[in-house]
Amino acid sequence: MGGHKECTAYGDYRRHSYASPPHPPLHKKPRWESAESKRKKRVAQYKLYAVEAKVKGTIKKGLRWFKKTCCRIVHGF
């Protein structure tokens, strides 16, 4: 009644039913297309490759140790 306006909640942003939703500025590229986000994704991939290599090396060293230890036990070196 009277001066009451219906409000709709969108996250922290509240808008009146007669207002249009906010639009991003046209000069900004979407986040998923920016060069900075591509660089961050590429760097994260490099870090993942480094971790994979370390894990693979650790497993190889462990298996080599196990094999050498078993050979010493069996052959009595």
Protein backbone atom coordinates (compact mmCIF):
# COMPACT_ATOMS: atom_id res chain seq x y z
CA MET A 1 0.00 0.00 0.00
CA GLY A 2 1.01 3.61 -0.24
CA GLY A 3 4.75 4.17 -0.91
CA HIS A 4 5.87 0.55 -0.41
CA LYS A 5 8.04 -0.76 -3.25
CA GLU A 6 8.67 -4.48 -3.80
CA CYS A 7 12.35 -5.46 -3.43
CA THR A 8 14.09 -8.58 -4.71
CA ALA A 9 17.35 -9.84 -3.16
CA TYR A 10 20.23 -10.91 -5.42
CA GLY A 11 23.14 -11.82 -3.13
CA ASP A 12 24.17 -8.66 -1.32
CA TYR A 13 22.65 -6.49 -4.05
CA ARG A 14 19.05 -5.46 -3.57
CA ARG A 15 17.14 -3.80 -6.35
CA HIS A 16 13.67 -2.41 -6.72
CA SER A 17 11.38 -4.27 -9.10
CA TYR A 18 11.33 -1.28 -11.48
CA ALA A 19 15.16 -1.04 -11.84
CA SER A 20 17.13 -3.02 -14.43
CA PRO A 21 19.99 -5.29 -13.28
CA PRO A 22 23.50 -3.78 -13.40
CA HIS A 23 25.55 -4.44 -16.54
CA PRO A 24 29.35 -4.68 -16.62
CA PRO A 25 31.15 -1.90 -18.50
CA LEU A 26 31.61 -2.70 -22.19
CA HIS A 27 35.33 -1.85 -22.23
CA LYS A 28 36.16 -4.65 -19.77
CA LYS A 29 36.77 -8.15 -21.09
CA PRO A 30 35.15 -11.06 -19.26
CA ARG A 31 37.43 -12.56 -16.61
CA TRP A 32 37.80 -15.87 -18.43
CA GLU A 33 39.26 -14.11 -21.46
CA SER A 34 41.79 -11.82 -19.79
CA ALA A 35 45.49 -12.36 -20.34
CA GLU A 36 46.13 -12.30 -16.60
CA SER A 37 43.72 -15.18 -15.91
CA LYS A 38 45.25 -17.20 -18.75
CA ARG A 39 48.72 -16.62 -17.30
CA LYS A 40 47.56 -17.68 -13.82
CA LYS A 41 46.03 -20.87 -15.23
CA ARG A 42 49.23 -21.65 -17.17
CA VAL A 43 51.43 -21.08 -14.09
CA ALA A 44 49.16 -23.31 -12.00
CA GLN A 45 49.51 -26.03 -14.65
CA TYR A 46 53.32 -25.73 -14.50
CA LYS A 47 53.20 -26.11 -10.72
CA LEU A 48 51.03 -29.20 -11.10
CA TYR A 49 53.56 -30.72 -13.53
CA ALA A 50 56.34 -30.04 -11.02
CA VAL A 51 54.44 -31.78 -8.21
CA GLU A 52 53.68 -34.76 -10.45
CA ALA A 53 57.37 -35.08 -11.32
CA LYS A 54 58.37 -34.99 -7.63
CA VAL A 55 55.81 -37.67 -6.73
CA LYS A 56 56.94 -39.86 -9.63
CA GLY A 57 60.60 -39.47 -8.57
CA THR A 58 59.79 -40.32 -4.95
CA ILE A 59 57.91 -43.46 -5.98
CA LYS A 60 60.78 -44.54 -8.25
CA LYS A 61 63.32 -44.03 -5.45
CA GLY A 62 61.15 -45.98 -3.02
CA LEU A 63 60.72 -48.90 -5.39
CA ARG A 64 64.43 -48.90 -6.20
CA TRP A 65 65.25 -49.00 -2.46
CA PHE A 66 62.73 -51.83 -1.89
CA LYS A 67 64.10 -53.87 -4.79
CA LYS A 68 67.71 -53.35 -3.64
CA THR A 69 66.81 -54.31 -0.05
CA CYS A 70 64.99 -57.47 -1.18
CA CYS A 71 67.96 -58.49 -3.36
CA ARG A 72 70.33 -58.01 -0.40
CA ILE A 73 68.12 -60.20 1.81
CA VAL A 74 67.73 -62.94 -0.81
CA HIS A 75 71.33 -63.00 -2.02
CA GLY A 76 72.93 -62.17 1.33
CA PHE A 77 75.03 -59.16 0.27
